[in-house]
Amino acid sequence: KTPPQAGVSPEKHLQSKISRAYDKLVEAVSRFRIPLCPGGKGLDLGASPGGWTQYLSELGLEVFSVDPAPLALGPELMQRVHWVSGMSCDEEVLERLRQVAPFDVIVSDMNQLPDELARSFDGLIPMLVPGGYVIVTIKLSHLRPTLQQNRGYAKGGQRFINYFAATFPQLKQIGNVKWLLQNRNERCVAFQSD
């Protein structure tokens, strides 16, 4: 259960969350002990409908949210949020992000197979500040009965981590992969840059 913000009643807090994903990021930040400070800059990949963006914005970060679909956030939260329409690997999206980088934290709850997800960070990790954080949910689609035909390809949580270790030596994994209370067929991993 997510603790309400100071001055917000528990009832209003629970009604104001955009999605269940909000609680996933709250738990990940707590379990990995990631200090996110107001005034920082965050990048949310696969952001729609906006649960992770909402949490980062409520913490006082300026958030750049990348997704082809619009966010479902109210105007009070959008004051610190910049929606970037498109995919994180699109050159025009990368160019826009380079103009506003660096980022203190990059988060992703994208629904992609692990191998595709890992490659989607290729142009983004260089935009992370030294000491910055990456928090990623790895979808384990092979656990879903409807996607078992993808079993060999999708069973790639460890391949995701190995790709990050080989491609981004400046990133160090924080602890172990976590199965968060809000995770279903997915796991969460976090990294910190040197």
Protein backbone atom coordinates (compact mmCIF):
# COMPACT_ATOMS: atom_id res chain seq x y z
CA LYS A 1 0.00 0.00 0.00
CA THR A 2 1.36 3.38 -1.00
CA PRO A 3 1.66 5.94 1.79
CA PRO A 4 -0.19 9.17 1.05
CA GLN A 5 1.71 12.39 0.57
CA ALA A 6 1.80 14.81 3.48
CA GLY A 7 -1.44 16.76 3.64
CA VAL A 8 -3.35 14.39 1.32
CA SER A 9 -6.05 12.18 2.79
CA PRO A 10 -5.61 8.43 2.09
CA GLU A 11 -8.95 8.36 0.26
CA LYS A 12 -8.02 11.21 -2.07
CA HIS A 13 -4.54 9.72 -2.59
CA LEU A 14 -5.96 6.37 -3.75
CA GLN A 15 -8.47 8.05 -6.07
CA SER A 16 -5.87 10.34 -7.64
CA LYS A 17 -3.50 7.66 -8.98
CA ILE A 18 -3.51 7.29 -12.76
CA SER A 19 -2.74 3.57 -12.78
CA ARG A 20 -1.49 0.59 -10.78
CA ALA A 21 1.95 1.32 -12.23
CA TYR A 22 2.22 4.27 -9.83
CA ASP A 23 2.57 1.85 -6.90
CA LYS A 24 5.16 -0.19 -8.80
CA LEU A 25 7.52 2.77 -9.03
CA VAL A 26 6.85 3.81 -5.42
CA GLU A 27 7.85 0.32 -4.31
CA ALA A 28 10.86 0.12 -6.64
CA VAL A 29 12.26 3.45 -5.41
CA SER A 30 11.83 2.28 -1.82
CA ARG A 31 13.20 -1.26 -2.25
CA PHE A 32 16.24 -0.14 -4.27
CA ARG A 33 16.71 2.86 -1.91
CA ILE A 34 16.95 5.38 -4.73
CA PRO A 35 17.08 9.01 -3.57
CA LEU A 36 15.03 11.13 -5.95
CA CYS A 37 15.22 14.84 -5.20
CA PRO A 38 12.92 17.71 -6.12
CA GLY A 39 14.36 19.84 -8.90
CA GLY A 40 15.88 16.85 -10.71
CA LYS A 41 15.03 15.74 -14.20
CA GLY A 42 13.40 12.41 -15.08
CA LEU A 43 12.81 10.50 -18.31
CA ASP A 44 9.86 8.08 -18.45
CA LEU A 45 9.85 5.66 -21.40
CA GLY A 46 6.56 4.09 -22.43
CA ALA A 47 4.88 6.59 -20.15
CA SER A 48 1.18 6.40 -21.05
CA PRO A 49 -1.17 6.57 -19.22
CA GLY A 50 1.22 8.25 -16.80
CA GLY A 51 1.54 6.37 -13.49
CA TRP A 52 5.34 6.58 -13.30
CA THR A 53 5.34 10.13 -14.66
CA GLN A 54 2.78 11.10 -12.01
CA TYR A 55 4.95 9.77 -9.17
CA LEU A 56 8.12 11.47 -10.45
CA SER A 57 6.23 14.74 -10.93
CA GLU A 58 4.75 14.55 -7.42
CA LEU A 59 8.30 14.16 -6.08
CA GLY A 60 9.13 17.50 -7.71
CA LEU A 61 11.06 16.27 -10.75
CA GLU A 62 10.69 17.80 -14.19
CA VAL A 63 9.62 14.78 -16.29
CA PHE A 64 9.99 14.10 -19.99
CA SER A 65 7.50 11.36 -20.86
CA VAL A 66 7.97 9.45 -24.10
CA ASP A 67 5.05 7.53 -25.59
CA PRO A 68 3.04 7.61 -28.82
CA ALA A 69 -0.15 7.77 -26.70
CA PRO A 70 -1.03 10.88 -24.68
CA LEU A 71 -0.86 10.98 -20.90
CA ALA A 72 -3.95 10.96 -18.68
CA LEU A 73 -2.60 13.45 -16.14
CA GLY A 74 -4.46 16.48 -14.89
CA PRO A 75 -3.24 20.03 -15.55
CA GLU A 76 -1.75 20.42 -12.05
CA LEU A 77 0.74 17.61 -12.74
CA MET A 78 1.40 18.57 -16.36
CA GLN A 79 3.11 21.77 -15.18
CA ARG A 80 6.31 19.74 -14.62
CA VAL A 81 5.68 17.20 -17.40
CA HIS A 82 6.66 17.35 -21.05
CA TRP A 83 5.00 14.74 -23.26
CA VAL A 84 7.23 13.67 -26.16
CA SER A 85 5.07 11.89 -28.72
CA GLY A 86 6.85 8.95 -30.33
CA MET A 87 9.08 5.98 -29.59
CA SER A 88 12.31 6.27 -27.60
CA CYS A 89 14.34 4.94 -30.55
CA ASP A 90 12.98 7.49 -33.07
CA GLU A 91 15.74 9.87 -34.13
CA GLU A 92 13.51 12.96 -33.77
CA VAL A 93 12.62 11.88 -30.19
CA LEU A 94 16.29 11.27 -29.36
CA GLU A 95 17.21 14.69 -30.73
CA ARG A 96 14.54 16.38 -28.59
CA LEU A 97 15.79 14.51 -25.51
CA ARG A 98 19.44 15.43 -26.22
CA GLN A 99 18.41 19.09 -26.14
CA VAL A 100 17.04 18.78 -22.58
CA ALA A 101 19.45 16.16 -21.18
CA PRO A 102 21.03 15.19 -18.85
CA PHE A 103 18.57 13.19 -16.74
CA ASP A 104 18.89 12.23 -13.07
CA VAL A 105 16.73 9.15 -13.53
CA ILE A 106 15.46 7.13 -16.49
CA VAL A 107 12.50 4.83 -15.83
CA SER A 108 10.70 2.37 -18.05
CA ASP A 109 7.63 0.19 -17.66
CA MET A 110 7.37 -0.47 -21.42
CA ASN A 111 5.59 -3.58 -22.57
CA GLN A 112 8.38 -4.97 -24.76
CA LEU A 113 10.17 -8.26 -24.96
CA PRO A 114 13.38 -8.08 -22.88
CA ASP A 115 15.79 -8.09 -25.84
CA GLU A 116 13.94 -5.24 -27.58
CA LEU A 117 13.66 -3.35 -24.31
CA ALA A 118 17.42 -3.54 -23.67
CA ARG A 119 18.25 -2.16 -27.13
CA SER A 120 15.78 0.71 -26.69
CA PHE A 121 18.21 2.27 -24.17
CA ASP A 122 21.15 2.48 -26.60
CA GLY A 123 20.76 6.19 -27.35
CA LEU A 124 19.50 7.12 -23.90
CA ILE A 125 22.06 5.94 -21.34
CA PRO A 126 24.59 8.57 -22.51
CA MET A 127 22.00 11.17 -21.42
CA LEU A 128 22.16 10.01 -17.78
CA VAL A 129 24.07 12.16 -15.28
CA PRO A 130 27.00 10.58 -13.43
CA GLY A 131 25.47 9.02 -10.34
CA GLY A 132 22.06 8.86 -12.06
CA TYR A 133 19.65 5.94 -11.86
CA VAL A 134 17.82 3.63 -14.26
CA ILE A 135 14.74 1.68 -13.09
CA VAL A 136 13.24 -0.85 -15.50
CA THR A 137 10.42 -3.35 -15.40
CA ILE A 138 11.31 -6.41 -17.47
CA LYS A 139 8.19 -8.07 -18.86
CA LEU A 140 8.37 -11.86 -18.72
CA SER A 141 5.88 -12.53 -21.50
CA HIS A 142 6.77 -16.21 -21.63
CA LEU A 143 4.87 -16.64 -18.35
CA ARG A 144 1.61 -15.56 -19.99
CA PRO A 145 -0.32 -18.56 -21.30
CA THR A 146 -1.35 -16.67 -24.45
CA LEU A 147 2.29 -15.93 -25.37
CA GLN A 148 3.94 -19.25 -24.63
CA GLN A 149 4.81 -19.68 -28.32
CA ASN A 150 7.35 -16.86 -27.75
CA ARG A 151 8.95 -18.77 -24.86
CA GLY A 152 12.43 -19.08 -26.35
CA TYR A 153 12.62 -15.47 -27.48
CA ALA A 154 10.91 -13.76 -24.57
CA LYS A 155 12.64 -15.57 -21.72
CA GLY A 156 15.28 -12.90 -21.53
CA GLY A 157 15.43 -11.19 -18.14
CA GLN A 158 19.03 -12.31 -17.67
CA ARG A 159 19.84 -11.44 -21.30
CA PHE A 160 18.56 -7.91 -20.56
CA ILE A 161 20.95 -7.60 -17.61
CA ASN A 162 23.84 -9.12 -19.59
CA TYR A 163 23.21 -6.67 -22.45
CA PHE A 164 23.30 -3.73 -20.03
CA ALA A 165 26.52 -5.01 -18.41
CA ALA A 166 28.24 -5.44 -21.79
CA THR A 167 26.92 -2.29 -23.48
CA PHE A 168 26.91 0.18 -20.58
CA PRO A 169 29.95 -0.57 -18.36
CA GLN A 170 29.35 2.74 -16.55
CA LEU A 171 26.15 1.24 -15.04
CA LYS A 172 26.25 -0.93 -11.94
CA GLN A 173 23.28 -3.06 -10.98
CA ILE A 174 21.77 -2.14 -7.61
CA GLY A 175 21.12 -5.33 -5.63
CA ASN A 176 19.22 -8.19 -7.19
CA VAL A 177 16.31 -8.27 -9.58
CA LYS A 178 13.18 -7.70 -7.50
CA TRP A 179 9.74 -9.25 -7.73
CA LEU A 180 7.70 -6.32 -6.48
CA LEU A 181 4.29 -6.71 -4.89
CA GLN A 182 2.80 -4.91 -7.90
CA ASN A 183 4.61 -7.15 -10.41
CA ARG A 184 2.71 -9.90 -12.14
CA ASN A 185 4.60 -11.47 -15.04
CA GLU A 186 7.49 -9.05 -14.69
CA ARG A 187 10.47 -8.19 -12.55
CA CYS A 188 12.16 -4.91 -11.68
CA VAL A 189 15.85 -4.05 -11.91
CA ALA A 190 17.77 -0.85 -11.11
CA PHE A 191 21.18 0.51 -12.04
CA GLN A 192 23.34 3.48 -11.05
CA SER A 193 25.87 5.18 -13.28
CA ASP A 194 29.48 5.81 -12.20
